Amino acid sequence: MITKSHTVSHHTYADDTQLLKAFHLSDLSTSLHCLAKCTQDIKCWMTTNMLKLNDTKTEAVLVGTKQQLNKVKTDFLKVADADIKFSDVVTDLGVYIDSSLTLDSHVNHLSRICYFHLKSIGNIRQYLTTAATEALVRALVTSRLDYCNSILSGLSSTLLEKLQKIQNTSARIISKTSKRSRITPVLQDLHWLPVKARTDFKILCLI
């Protein structure tokens, strides 16, 4: 396999392939050249087999500590015939991955989408039954909180609190509970585990 010959790991999806290579900062130049040669060989193979590589649509990200990334002197990766500028954030199956793996961008994006839907549901709450409201919240909000939530293990308390506020707001809209009322009894009535517990539960299920 082409990637194996270049000591590059890969993940393949329906119409998407990801290349991954771990390296020490001192081997940056050699590793980037290796990735460039790998993508060039892949493009040649695809051309031979009447397939097309969308090299200009490629996203690239360097992952490391802030101290390591500050020492990097190059800002692009050669992918086949295209120069791809390194991004601070890339998407992976709907998850936003930042270069320091803090998940800040993912949580902020999730918050924007969830609060957009919660505002819409809140505007029509008076016309909905409790069951219908809960169904909407589950479909548009909690499903997003639960999606790939195993990656949230070890999330900072600040980001975890942001996600918990989304769940709390969802529960208040469903139950028509005021902001001053305690949220724990409401979550218990809905049989909802808090966000951190849902993450732990997902990991335990996977294990």
N, C-alpha and C. Protein backbone atom coordinates (compact mmCIF):
# COMPACT_ATOMS: atom_id res chain seq x y z
N MET A 1 0.83 -1.18 0.00
CA MET A 1 0.00 0.00 0.00
C MET A 1 0.88 1.25 0.00
N ILE A 2 0.42 2.28 -0.69
CA ILE A 2 1.22 3.50 -0.85
C ILE A 2 1.53 4.14 0.48
N THR A 3 0.51 4.29 1.33
CA THR A 3 0.74 4.97 2.61
C THR A 3 1.75 4.21 3.48
N LYS A 4 1.67 2.89 3.45
CA LYS A 4 2.58 2.08 4.26
C LYS A 4 4.01 2.24 3.79
N SER A 5 4.20 2.35 2.50
CA SER A 5 5.55 2.49 1.96
C SER A 5 6.18 3.82 2.37
N HIS A 6 5.34 4.79 2.71
CA HIS A 6 5.84 6.09 3.15
C HIS A 6 5.76 6.25 4.67
N THR A 7 5.48 5.17 5.37
CA THR A 7 5.32 5.16 6.83
C THR A 7 4.30 6.21 7.29
N VAL A 8 3.18 6.27 6.56
CA VAL A 8 2.10 7.19 6.88
C VAL A 8 0.85 6.38 7.25
N SER A 9 0.19 6.74 8.34
CA SER A 9 -1.05 6.07 8.73
C SER A 9 -2.22 6.71 7.98
N HIS A 10 -3.34 5.99 7.93
CA HIS A 10 -4.48 6.55 7.21
C HIS A 10 -5.80 6.04 7.79
N HIS A 11 -6.86 6.84 7.59
CA HIS A 11 -8.23 6.45 7.88
C HIS A 11 -9.01 6.68 6.60
N THR A 12 -9.84 5.72 6.22
CA THR A 12 -10.61 5.83 4.98
C THR A 12 -12.09 5.77 5.29
N TYR A 13 -12.84 6.72 4.73
CA TYR A 13 -14.29 6.76 4.88
C TYR A 13 -14.92 6.61 3.49
N ALA A 14 -16.20 6.88 3.38
CA ALA A 14 -16.92 6.67 2.12
C ALA A 14 -16.27 7.39 0.96
N ASP A 15 -16.06 8.69 1.09
CA ASP A 15 -15.46 9.45 0.00
C ASP A 15 -14.36 10.36 0.53
N ASP A 16 -13.73 9.93 1.63
CA ASP A 16 -12.76 10.79 2.28
C ASP A 16 -11.63 9.94 2.85
N THR A 17 -10.41 10.41 2.70
CA THR A 17 -9.25 9.71 3.26
C THR A 17 -8.41 10.69 4.07
N GLN A 18 -8.01 10.25 5.24
CA GLN A 18 -7.16 11.09 6.09
C GLN A 18 -5.79 10.44 6.22
N LEU A 19 -4.77 11.26 6.09
CA LEU A 19 -3.39 10.80 6.29
C LEU A 19 -2.87 11.36 7.60
N LEU A 20 -2.17 10.55 8.37
CA LEU A 20 -1.65 10.98 9.66
C LEU A 20 -0.19 10.55 9.80
N LYS A 21 0.63 11.44 10.33
CA LYS A 21 2.02 11.08 10.57
C LYS A 21 2.50 11.77 11.85
N ALA A 22 3.01 10.97 12.76
CA ALA A 22 3.55 11.50 14.01
C ALA A 22 5.06 11.69 13.85
N PHE A 23 5.56 12.80 14.36
CA PHE A 23 7.00 13.06 14.23
C PHE A 23 7.46 14.04 15.29
N HIS A 24 8.75 14.04 15.54
CA HIS A 24 9.35 15.00 16.45
C HIS A 24 9.57 16.30 15.70
N LEU A 25 9.56 17.40 16.41
CA LEU A 25 9.71 18.71 15.78
C LEU A 25 10.99 18.81 14.96
N SER A 26 12.04 18.13 15.38
CA SER A 26 13.31 18.17 14.65
C SER A 26 13.21 17.46 13.31
N ASP A 27 12.19 16.61 13.13
CA ASP A 27 12.00 15.87 11.87
C ASP A 27 10.90 16.49 11.02
N LEU A 28 10.53 17.73 11.30
CA LEU A 28 9.42 18.37 10.60
C LEU A 28 9.61 18.39 9.10
N SER A 29 10.74 18.89 8.64
CA SER A 29 10.97 19.03 7.20
C SER A 29 10.91 17.68 6.49
N THR A 30 11.56 16.66 7.07
CA THR A 30 11.57 15.32 6.47
C THR A 30 10.17 14.73 6.43
N SER A 31 9.41 14.92 7.51
CA SER A 31 8.07 14.36 7.59
C SER A 31 7.11 15.02 6.60
N LEU A 32 7.20 16.34 6.45
CA LEU A 32 6.35 17.04 5.50
C LEU A 32 6.68 16.63 4.07
N HIS A 33 7.97 16.43 3.80
CA HIS A 33 8.36 15.95 2.47
C HIS A 33 7.82 14.55 2.23
N CYS A 34 7.84 13.72 3.26
CA CYS A 34 7.31 12.35 3.16
C CYS A 34 5.82 12.38 2.84
N LEU A 35 5.07 13.25 3.52
CA LEU A 35 3.64 13.38 3.25
C LEU A 35 3.37 13.88 1.84
N ALA A 36 4.19 14.84 1.39
CA ALA A 36 4.03 15.39 0.04
C ALA A 36 4.27 14.30 -1.01
N LYS A 37 5.30 13.51 -0.81
CA LYS A 37 5.61 12.42 -1.76
C LYS A 37 4.51 11.38 -1.74
N CYS A 38 3.95 11.11 -0.55
CA CYS A 38 2.87 10.14 -0.43
C CYS A 38 1.64 10.59 -1.21
N THR A 39 1.26 11.85 -1.03
CA THR A 39 0.08 12.37 -1.75
C THR A 39 0.31 12.40 -3.26
N GLN A 40 1.54 12.66 -3.68
CA GLN A 40 1.84 12.67 -5.11
C GLN A 40 1.69 11.26 -5.69
N ASP A 41 2.17 10.26 -4.97
CA ASP A 41 2.05 8.88 -5.42
C ASP A 41 0.59 8.43 -5.44
N ILE A 42 -0.19 8.89 -4.45
CA ILE A 42 -1.62 8.57 -4.42
C ILE A 42 -2.32 9.16 -5.62
N LYS A 43 -1.99 10.41 -5.95
CA LYS A 43 -2.62 11.05 -7.10
C LYS A 43 -2.27 10.32 -8.40
N CYS A 44 -1.03 9.90 -8.53
CA CYS A 44 -0.62 9.14 -9.73
C CYS A 44 -1.40 7.84 -9.84
N TRP A 45 -1.56 7.15 -8.70
CA TRP A 45 -2.29 5.89 -8.70
C TRP A 45 -3.75 6.13 -9.08
N MET A 46 -4.35 7.18 -8.54
CA MET A 46 -5.75 7.49 -8.82
C MET A 46 -5.93 7.87 -10.29
N THR A 47 -5.01 8.64 -10.83
CA THR A 47 -5.09 9.02 -12.24
C THR A 47 -5.00 7.79 -13.13
N THR A 48 -4.11 6.87 -12.79
CA THR A 48 -3.96 5.63 -13.56
C THR A 48 -5.25 4.82 -13.54
N ASN A 49 -5.97 4.89 -12.41
CA ASN A 49 -7.22 4.13 -12.26
C ASN A 49 -8.46 4.96 -12.54
N MET A 50 -8.28 6.05 -13.29
CA MET A 50 -9.37 6.92 -13.73
C MET A 50 -10.18 7.48 -12.56
N LEU A 51 -9.46 7.87 -11.51
CA LEU A 51 -10.07 8.52 -10.35
C LEU A 51 -9.46 9.92 -10.20
N LYS A 52 -10.14 10.76 -9.45
CA LYS A 52 -9.67 12.14 -9.28
C LYS A 52 -9.42 12.45 -7.81
N LEU A 53 -8.26 13.02 -7.56
CA LEU A 53 -7.92 13.48 -6.22
C LEU A 53 -8.17 14.98 -6.14
N ASN A 54 -9.07 15.40 -5.25
CA ASN A 54 -9.36 16.83 -5.08
C ASN A 54 -8.34 17.44 -4.12
N ASP A 55 -7.11 17.60 -4.62
CA ASP A 55 -6.04 18.08 -3.75
C ASP A 55 -6.29 19.49 -3.23
N THR A 56 -6.97 20.33 -4.00
CA THR A 56 -7.22 21.71 -3.55
C THR A 56 -8.26 21.77 -2.44
N LYS A 57 -9.03 20.71 -2.25
CA LYS A 57 -10.04 20.67 -1.20
C LYS A 57 -9.50 20.07 0.10
N THR A 58 -8.23 19.74 0.09
CA THR A 58 -7.61 19.12 1.26
C THR A 58 -7.44 20.11 2.40
N GLU A 59 -7.63 19.63 3.62
CA GLU A 59 -7.35 20.42 4.82
C GLU A 59 -6.15 19.80 5.53
N ALA A 60 -5.32 20.63 6.13
CA ALA A 60 -4.14 20.14 6.84
C ALA A 60 -4.02 20.86 8.18
N VAL A 61 -3.61 20.11 9.19
CA VAL A 61 -3.44 20.71 10.52
C VAL A 61 -2.23 20.09 11.19
N LEU A 62 -1.45 20.92 11.86
CA LEU A 62 -0.35 20.45 12.68
C LEU A 62 -0.83 20.43 14.12
N VAL A 63 -0.68 19.30 14.78
CA VAL A 63 -1.17 19.15 16.15
C VAL A 63 0.02 19.08 17.11
N GLY A 64 -0.02 19.89 18.13
CA GLY A 64 1.05 19.89 19.12
C GLY A 64 0.77 20.90 20.20
N THR A 65 1.70 21.07 21.13
CA THR A 65 1.54 22.08 22.16
C THR A 65 1.78 23.46 21.54
N LYS A 66 1.32 24.49 22.22
CA LYS A 66 1.51 25.86 21.70
C LYS A 66 2.99 26.18 21.57
N GLN A 67 3.80 25.68 22.51
CA GLN A 67 5.24 25.93 22.45
C GLN A 67 5.85 25.27 21.21
N GLN A 68 5.41 24.05 20.91
CA GLN A 68 5.92 23.35 19.73
C GLN A 68 5.49 24.04 18.44
N LEU A 69 4.23 24.42 18.37
CA LEU A 69 3.70 25.03 17.15
C LEU A 69 4.33 26.39 16.89
N ASN A 70 4.71 27.11 17.93
CA ASN A 70 5.36 28.41 17.76
C ASN A 70 6.74 28.29 17.12
N LYS A 71 7.32 27.11 17.19
CA LYS A 71 8.65 26.89 16.62
C LYS A 71 8.60 26.47 15.15
N VAL A 72 7.40 26.20 14.64
CA VAL A 72 7.27 25.76 13.25
C VAL A 72 7.45 26.95 12.32
N LYS A 73 8.32 26.79 11.34
CA LYS A 73 8.66 27.89 10.44
C LYS A 73 7.93 27.83 9.10
N THR A 74 7.23 26.76 8.84
CA THR A 74 6.50 26.64 7.58
C THR A 74 5.00 26.71 7.85
N ASP A 75 4.24 27.23 6.88
CA ASP A 75 2.80 27.38 7.09
C ASP A 75 1.96 26.66 6.05
N PHE A 76 2.58 25.76 5.25
CA PHE A 76 1.80 25.02 4.27
C PHE A 76 2.36 23.62 4.06
N LEU A 77 1.53 22.77 3.49
CA LEU A 77 1.90 21.40 3.16
C LEU A 77 1.65 21.17 1.68
N LYS A 78 2.59 20.56 1.01
CA LYS A 78 2.43 20.23 -0.40
C LYS A 78 1.59 18.97 -0.52
N VAL A 79 0.43 19.09 -1.15
CA VAL A 79 -0.46 17.96 -1.36
C VAL A 79 -0.63 17.77 -2.86
N ALA A 80 0.01 16.75 -3.40
CA ALA A 80 0.02 16.53 -4.86
C ALA A 80 0.52 17.80 -5.55
N ASP A 81 -0.36 18.50 -6.27
CA ASP A 81 0.07 19.71 -6.99
C ASP A 81 -0.38 21.00 -6.31
N ALA A 82 -0.91 20.90 -5.11
CA ALA A 82 -1.45 22.08 -4.43
C ALA A 82 -0.68 22.38 -3.14
N ASP A 83 -0.55 23.66 -2.84
CA ASP A 83 0.04 24.09 -1.57
C ASP A 83 -1.11 24.37 -0.60
N ILE A 84 -1.24 23.54 0.40
CA ILE A 84 -2.34 23.65 1.36
C ILE A 84 -1.84 24.33 2.63
N LYS A 85 -2.43 25.46 2.95
CA LYS A 85 -2.05 26.20 4.15
C LYS A 85 -2.58 25.48 5.39
N PHE A 86 -1.73 25.37 6.40
CA PHE A 86 -2.15 24.72 7.63
C PHE A 86 -3.27 25.52 8.29
N SER A 87 -4.31 24.82 8.74
CA SER A 87 -5.45 25.45 9.40
C SER A 87 -5.30 25.34 10.91
N ASP A 88 -5.91 26.27 11.63
CA ASP A 88 -5.94 26.18 13.08
C ASP A 88 -6.98 25.16 13.54
N VAL A 89 -8.02 24.99 12.70
CA VAL A 89 -9.12 24.07 13.02
C VAL A 89 -9.54 23.33 11.76
N VAL A 90 -9.75 22.02 11.86
CA VAL A 90 -10.29 21.23 10.75
C VAL A 90 -11.47 20.42 11.27
N THR A 91 -12.31 19.95 10.36
CA THR A 91 -13.45 19.13 10.76
C THR A 91 -13.19 17.67 10.44
N ASP A 92 -13.61 16.82 11.34
CA ASP A 92 -13.45 15.37 11.16
C ASP A 92 -14.79 14.72 11.51
N LEU A 93 -15.57 14.39 10.48
CA LEU A 93 -16.89 13.78 10.67
C LEU A 93 -17.77 14.61 11.61
N GLY A 94 -17.72 15.92 11.43
CA GLY A 94 -18.57 16.80 12.23
C GLY A 94 -17.97 17.28 13.52
N VAL A 95 -16.77 16.80 13.85
CA VAL A 95 -16.08 17.24 15.06
C VAL A 95 -15.01 18.25 14.66
N TYR A 96 -14.95 19.37 15.38
CA TYR A 96 -13.97 20.41 15.09
C TYR A 96 -12.70 20.14 15.90
N ILE A 97 -11.61 19.87 15.18
CA ILE A 97 -10.34 19.54 15.81
C ILE A 97 -9.40 20.73 15.68
N ASP A 98 -8.96 21.28 16.82
CA ASP A 98 -8.03 22.41 16.77
C ASP A 98 -6.60 21.90 16.95
N SER A 99 -5.64 22.72 16.60
CA SER A 99 -4.24 22.30 16.57
C SER A 99 -3.68 21.94 17.94
N SER A 100 -4.32 22.40 19.01
CA SER A 100 -3.85 22.06 20.36
C SER A 100 -4.73 21.04 21.06
N LEU A 101 -5.74 20.55 20.34
CA LEU A 101 -6.66 19.53 20.86
C LEU A 101 -7.37 19.99 22.14
N THR A 102 -7.72 21.27 22.21
CA THR A 102 -8.43 21.78 23.38
C THR A 102 -9.94 21.57 23.26
N LEU A 103 -10.42 21.40 22.02
CA LEU A 103 -11.84 21.27 21.70
C LEU A 103 -12.63 22.56 21.94
N ASP A 104 -11.92 23.68 22.07
CA ASP A 104 -12.59 24.98 22.21
C ASP A 104 -13.52 25.24 21.03
N SER A 105 -13.00 25.07 19.83
CA SER A 105 -13.78 25.37 18.62
C SER A 105 -14.98 24.45 18.50
N HIS A 106 -14.81 23.19 18.88
CA HIS A 106 -15.91 22.23 18.79
C HIS A 106 -17.03 22.62 19.75
N VAL A 107 -16.68 22.95 20.98
CA VAL A 107 -17.69 23.31 21.97
C VAL A 107 -18.38 24.62 21.59
N ASN A 108 -17.62 25.59 21.10
CA ASN A 108 -18.22 26.87 20.70
C ASN A 108 -19.17 26.70 19.52
N HIS A 109 -18.76 25.86 18.57
CA HIS A 109 -19.63 25.59 17.42
C HIS A 109 -20.91 24.88 17.87
N LEU A 110 -20.74 23.92 18.75
CA LEU A 110 -21.88 23.17 19.28
C LEU A 110 -22.84 24.09 20.02
N SER A 111 -22.29 25.01 20.78
CA SER A 111 -23.11 25.96 21.54
C SER A 111 -23.95 26.84 20.62
N ARG A 112 -23.33 27.33 19.56
CA ARG A 112 -24.06 28.20 18.62
C ARG A 112 -25.23 27.47 17.99
N ILE A 113 -25.00 26.25 17.54
CA ILE A 113 -26.06 25.49 16.87
C ILE A 113 -27.18 25.14 17.86
N CYS A 114 -26.80 24.66 19.04
CA CYS A 114 -27.81 24.24 20.02
C CYS A 114 -28.67 25.41 20.50
N TYR A 115 -28.04 26.53 20.78
CA TYR A 115 -28.82 27.69 21.25
C TYR A 115 -29.70 28.26 20.14
N PHE A 116 -29.27 28.13 18.90
CA PHE A 116 -30.13 28.54 17.78
C PHE A 116 -31.42 27.73 17.78
N HIS A 117 -31.28 26.41 17.93
CA HIS A 117 -32.47 25.55 17.93
C HIS A 117 -33.30 25.74 19.20
N LEU A 118 -32.64 25.93 20.33
CA LEU A 118 -33.37 26.13 21.58
C LEU A 118 -34.18 27.42 21.53
N LYS A 119 -33.62 28.45 20.93
CA LYS A 119 -34.37 29.71 20.80
C LYS A 119 -35.61 29.51 19.94
N SER A 120 -35.45 28.76 18.84
CA SER A 120 -36.59 28.50 17.95
C SER A 120 -37.67 27.69 18.66
N ILE A 121 -37.23 26.66 19.41
CA ILE A 121 -38.20 25.84 20.14
C ILE A 121 -38.88 26.67 21.23
N GLY A 122 -38.09 27.51 21.91
CA GLY A 122 -38.66 28.35 22.96
C GLY A 122 -39.73 29.30 22.43
N ASN A 123 -39.54 29.78 21.20
CA ASN A 123 -40.51 30.71 20.61
C ASN A 123 -41.87 30.08 20.35
N ILE A 124 -41.89 28.76 20.17
CA ILE A 124 -43.16 28.09 19.87
C ILE A 124 -43.57 27.14 21.00
N ARG A 125 -42.87 27.23 22.14
CA ARG A 125 -43.12 26.28 23.24
C ARG A 125 -44.59 26.29 23.68
N GLN A 126 -45.23 27.46 23.70
CA GLN A 126 -46.62 27.55 24.18
C GLN A 126 -47.60 26.76 23.32
N TYR A 127 -47.20 26.45 22.09
CA TYR A 127 -48.08 25.71 21.19
C TYR A 127 -47.79 24.21 21.18
N LEU A 128 -46.77 23.79 21.94
CA LEU A 128 -46.33 22.39 21.90
C LEU A 128 -46.69 21.66 23.19
N THR A 129 -46.93 20.38 23.07
CA THR A 129 -47.08 19.54 24.26
C THR A 129 -45.70 19.26 24.83
N THR A 130 -45.66 18.78 26.05
CA THR A 130 -44.38 18.45 26.67
C THR A 130 -43.68 17.34 25.89
N ALA A 131 -44.45 16.35 25.45
CA ALA A 131 -43.87 15.24 24.69
C ALA A 131 -43.29 15.71 23.37
N ALA A 132 -44.02 16.60 22.68
CA ALA A 132 -43.54 17.11 21.40
C ALA A 132 -42.28 17.96 21.59
N THR A 133 -42.25 18.75 22.65
CA THR A 133 -41.09 19.59 22.94
C THR A 133 -39.87 18.73 23.23
N GLU A 134 -40.08 17.69 24.04
CA GLU A 134 -38.96 16.80 24.36
C GLU A 134 -38.44 16.10 23.11
N ALA A 135 -39.34 15.71 22.22
CA ALA A 135 -38.92 15.06 20.98
C ALA A 135 -38.07 16.00 20.12
N LEU A 136 -38.49 17.26 20.04
CA LEU A 136 -37.73 18.25 19.28
C LEU A 136 -36.35 18.48 19.89
N VAL A 137 -36.32 18.62 21.21
CA VAL A 137 -35.05 18.85 21.90
C VAL A 137 -34.10 17.67 21.71
N ARG A 138 -34.65 16.47 21.81
CA ARG A 138 -33.81 15.27 21.63
C ARG A 138 -33.24 15.22 20.21
N ALA A 139 -34.08 15.57 19.23
CA ALA A 139 -33.65 15.49 17.83
C ALA A 139 -32.65 16.57 17.45
N LEU A 140 -32.85 17.78 17.98
CA LEU A 140 -32.06 18.93 17.53
C LEU A 140 -30.94 19.35 18.47
N VAL A 141 -31.05 18.96 19.74
CA VAL A 141 -30.06 19.44 20.71
C VAL A 141 -29.30 18.31 21.40
N THR A 142 -30.02 17.48 22.17
CA THR A 142 -29.30 16.45 22.94
C THR A 142 -28.60 15.43 22.05
N SER A 143 -29.14 15.21 20.85
CA SER A 143 -28.46 14.31 19.92
C SER A 143 -27.10 14.85 19.53
N ARG A 144 -27.00 16.19 19.46
CA ARG A 144 -25.71 16.82 19.14
C ARG A 144 -24.76 16.77 20.34
N LEU A 145 -25.31 16.92 21.54
CA LEU A 145 -24.48 16.81 22.74
C LEU A 145 -23.91 15.40 22.88
N ASP A 146 -24.68 14.41 22.46
CA ASP A 146 -24.25 13.02 22.60
C ASP A 146 -23.37 12.54 21.45
N TYR A 147 -23.38 13.27 20.33
CA TYR A 147 -22.63 12.82 19.15
C TYR A 147 -21.12 12.88 19.43
N CYS A 148 -20.45 11.73 19.30
CA CYS A 148 -19.00 11.64 19.52
C CYS A 148 -18.60 12.18 20.90
N ASN A 149 -19.49 12.07 21.88
CA ASN A 149 -19.17 12.69 23.17
C ASN A 149 -18.10 11.95 23.95
N SER A 150 -17.65 10.80 23.48
CA SER A 150 -16.54 10.12 24.16
C SER A 150 -15.26 10.93 24.09
N ILE A 151 -15.14 11.82 23.09
CA ILE A 151 -13.93 12.65 22.98
C ILE A 151 -13.91 13.75 24.04
N LEU A 152 -15.03 13.93 24.74
CA LEU A 152 -15.11 14.98 25.75
C LEU A 152 -14.52 14.55 27.09
N SER A 153 -14.05 13.33 27.19
CA SER A 153 -13.45 12.86 28.43
C SER A 153 -12.22 13.71 28.75
N GLY A 154 -12.16 14.21 29.96
CA GLY A 154 -11.03 15.06 30.35
C GLY A 154 -11.17 16.50 29.91
N LEU A 155 -12.36 16.87 29.42
CA LEU A 155 -12.60 18.25 28.98
C LEU A 155 -12.46 19.21 30.15
N SER A 156 -11.96 20.40 29.87
CA SER A 156 -11.78 21.39 30.93
C SER A 156 -13.13 21.74 31.56
N SER A 157 -13.09 22.14 32.83
CA SER A 157 -14.32 22.46 33.55
C SER A 157 -15.07 23.63 32.91
N THR A 158 -14.32 24.56 32.31
CA THR A 158 -14.95 25.72 31.67
C THR A 158 -15.79 25.30 30.47
N LEU A 159 -15.22 24.43 29.63
CA LEU A 159 -15.95 23.97 28.44
C LEU A 159 -17.08 23.03 28.84
N LEU A 160 -16.83 22.22 29.86
CA LEU A 160 -17.87 21.29 30.33
C LEU A 160 -19.07 22.06 30.86
N GLU A 161 -18.81 23.18 31.51
CA GLU A 161 -19.89 24.00 32.05
C GLU A 161 -20.73 24.59 30.92
N LYS A 162 -20.08 24.96 29.81
CA LYS A 162 -20.82 25.48 28.66
C LYS A 162 -21.81 24.45 28.13
N LEU A 163 -21.36 23.20 28.04
CA LEU A 163 -22.23 22.14 27.54
C LEU A 163 -23.34 21.82 28.54
N GLN A 164 -23.01 21.89 29.83
CA GLN A 164 -24.02 21.60 30.84
C GLN A 164 -25.11 22.67 30.82
N LYS A 165 -24.75 23.92 30.54
CA LYS A 165 -25.74 25.00 30.46
C LYS A 165 -26.70 24.75 29.30
N ILE A 166 -26.19 24.18 28.22
CA ILE A 166 -27.07 23.84 27.09
C ILE A 166 -28.11 22.81 27.53
N GLN A 167 -27.63 21.78 28.22
CA GLN A 167 -28.56 20.74 28.69
C GLN A 167 -29.55 21.30 29.69
N ASN A 168 -29.07 22.17 30.59
CA ASN A 168 -29.96 22.77 31.59
C ASN A 168 -31.04 23.61 30.92
N THR A 169 -30.64 24.40 29.91
CA THR A 169 -31.61 25.23 29.19
C THR A 169 -32.64 24.35 28.48
N SER A 170 -32.18 23.25 27.90
CA SER A 170 -33.09 22.31 27.24
C SER A 170 -34.12 21.77 28.21
N ALA A 171 -33.65 21.38 29.39
CA ALA A 171 -34.55 20.81 30.41
C ALA A 171 -35.56 21.85 30.88
N ARG A 172 -35.13 23.10 31.03
CA ARG A 172 -36.04 24.15 31.49
C ARG A 172 -37.12 24.44 30.45
N ILE A 173 -36.75 24.41 29.17
CA ILE A 173 -37.74 24.66 28.11
C ILE A 173 -38.78 23.54 28.09
N ILE A 174 -38.33 22.30 28.23
CA ILE A 174 -39.26 21.16 28.21
C ILE A 174 -40.22 21.23 29.39
N SER A 175 -39.66 21.49 30.58
CA SER A 175 -40.47 21.44 31.81
C SER A 175 -41.10 22.78 32.17
N LYS A 176 -40.79 23.83 31.41
CA LYS A 176 -41.26 25.19 31.69
C LYS A 176 -40.84 25.63 33.10
N THR A 177 -39.61 25.29 33.42
CA THR A 177 -39.04 25.64 34.73
C THR A 177 -38.30 26.96 34.64
N SER A 178 -38.46 27.81 35.64
CA SER A 178 -37.79 29.11 35.64
C SER A 178 -36.28 28.96 35.89
N LYS A 179 -35.55 30.01 35.57
CA LYS A 179 -34.11 29.99 35.76
C LYS A 179 -33.71 29.93 37.22
N ARG A 180 -34.59 30.36 38.10
CA ARG A 180 -34.28 30.39 39.52
C ARG A 180 -34.47 29.03 40.19
N SER A 181 -35.18 28.13 39.55
CA SER A 181 -35.45 26.82 40.14
C SER A 181 -34.23 25.90 39.99
N ARG A 182 -34.06 24.99 40.93
CA ARG A 182 -32.95 24.03 40.88
C ARG A 182 -33.15 23.12 39.68
N ILE A 183 -32.03 22.83 38.99
CA ILE A 183 -32.12 22.05 37.76
C ILE A 183 -32.00 20.55 38.01
N THR A 184 -31.36 20.16 39.13
CA THR A 184 -31.14 18.72 39.38
C THR A 184 -32.44 17.91 39.41
N PRO A 185 -33.47 18.34 40.13
CA PRO A 185 -34.73 17.58 40.12
C PRO A 185 -35.35 17.49 38.72
N VAL A 186 -35.18 18.55 37.92
CA VAL A 186 -35.73 18.53 36.56
C VAL A 186 -35.02 17.48 35.71
N LEU A 187 -33.70 17.44 35.81
CA LEU A 187 -32.93 16.44 35.05
C LEU A 187 -33.31 15.02 35.50
N GLN A 188 -33.54 14.87 36.79
CA GLN A 188 -33.93 13.55 37.30
C GLN A 188 -35.30 13.13 36.78
N ASP A 189 -36.24 14.08 36.73
CA ASP A 189 -37.57 13.78 36.20
C ASP A 189 -37.52 13.37 34.73
N LEU A 190 -36.58 13.98 33.99
CA LEU A 190 -36.42 13.65 32.57
C LEU A 190 -35.57 12.40 32.36
N HIS A 191 -35.00 11.89 33.45
CA HIS A 191 -34.07 10.74 33.39
C HIS A 191 -32.86 11.06 32.53
N TRP A 192 -32.35 12.29 32.68
CA TRP A 192 -31.17 12.73 31.94
C TRP A 192 -29.96 12.73 32.86
N LEU A 193 -28.91 12.05 32.45
CA LEU A 193 -27.64 12.17 33.15
C LEU A 193 -27.00 13.50 32.79
N PRO A 194 -26.27 14.14 33.70
CA PRO A 194 -25.54 15.35 33.36
C PRO A 194 -24.52 15.07 32.24
N VAL A 195 -24.03 16.10 31.60
CA VAL A 195 -23.16 15.94 30.43
C VAL A 195 -21.94 15.09 30.74
N LYS A 196 -21.26 15.36 31.84
CA LYS A 196 -20.06 14.58 32.17
C LYS A 196 -20.40 13.11 32.40
N ALA A 197 -21.52 12.85 33.08
CA ALA A 197 -21.93 11.47 33.33
C ALA A 197 -22.31 10.77 32.02
N ARG A 198 -22.89 11.51 31.07
CA ARG A 198 -23.25 10.93 29.77
C ARG A 198 -21.98 10.52 29.02
N THR A 199 -20.94 11.35 29.16
CA THR A 199 -19.66 11.03 28.53
C THR A 199 -19.06 9.77 29.14
N ASP A 200 -19.06 9.71 30.47
CA ASP A 200 -18.53 8.52 31.16
C ASP A 200 -19.33 7.28 30.78
N PHE A 201 -20.65 7.43 30.70
CA PHE A 201 -21.52 6.31 30.33
C PHE A 201 -21.19 5.81 28.93
N LYS A 202 -20.97 6.75 27.98
CA LYS A 202 -20.63 6.35 26.60
C LYS A 202 -19.32 5.56 26.57
N ILE A 203 -18.33 6.04 27.30
CA ILE A 203 -17.04 5.36 27.32
C ILE A 203 -17.17 3.97 27.93
N LEU A 204 -17.95 3.85 29.00
CA LEU A 204 -18.16 2.55 29.61
C LEU A 204 -18.87 1.58 28.66
N CYS A 205 -19.82 2.11 27.90
CA CYS A 205 -20.52 1.28 26.91
C CYS A 205 -19.55 0.79 25.83
N LEU A 206 -18.67 1.68 25.39
CA LEU A 206 -17.69 1.31 24.37
C LEU A 206 -16.73 0.25 24.89
N ILE A 207 -16.33 0.42 26.17
CA ILE A 207 -15.41 -0.55 26.77
C ILE A 207 -16.09 -1.91 26.95
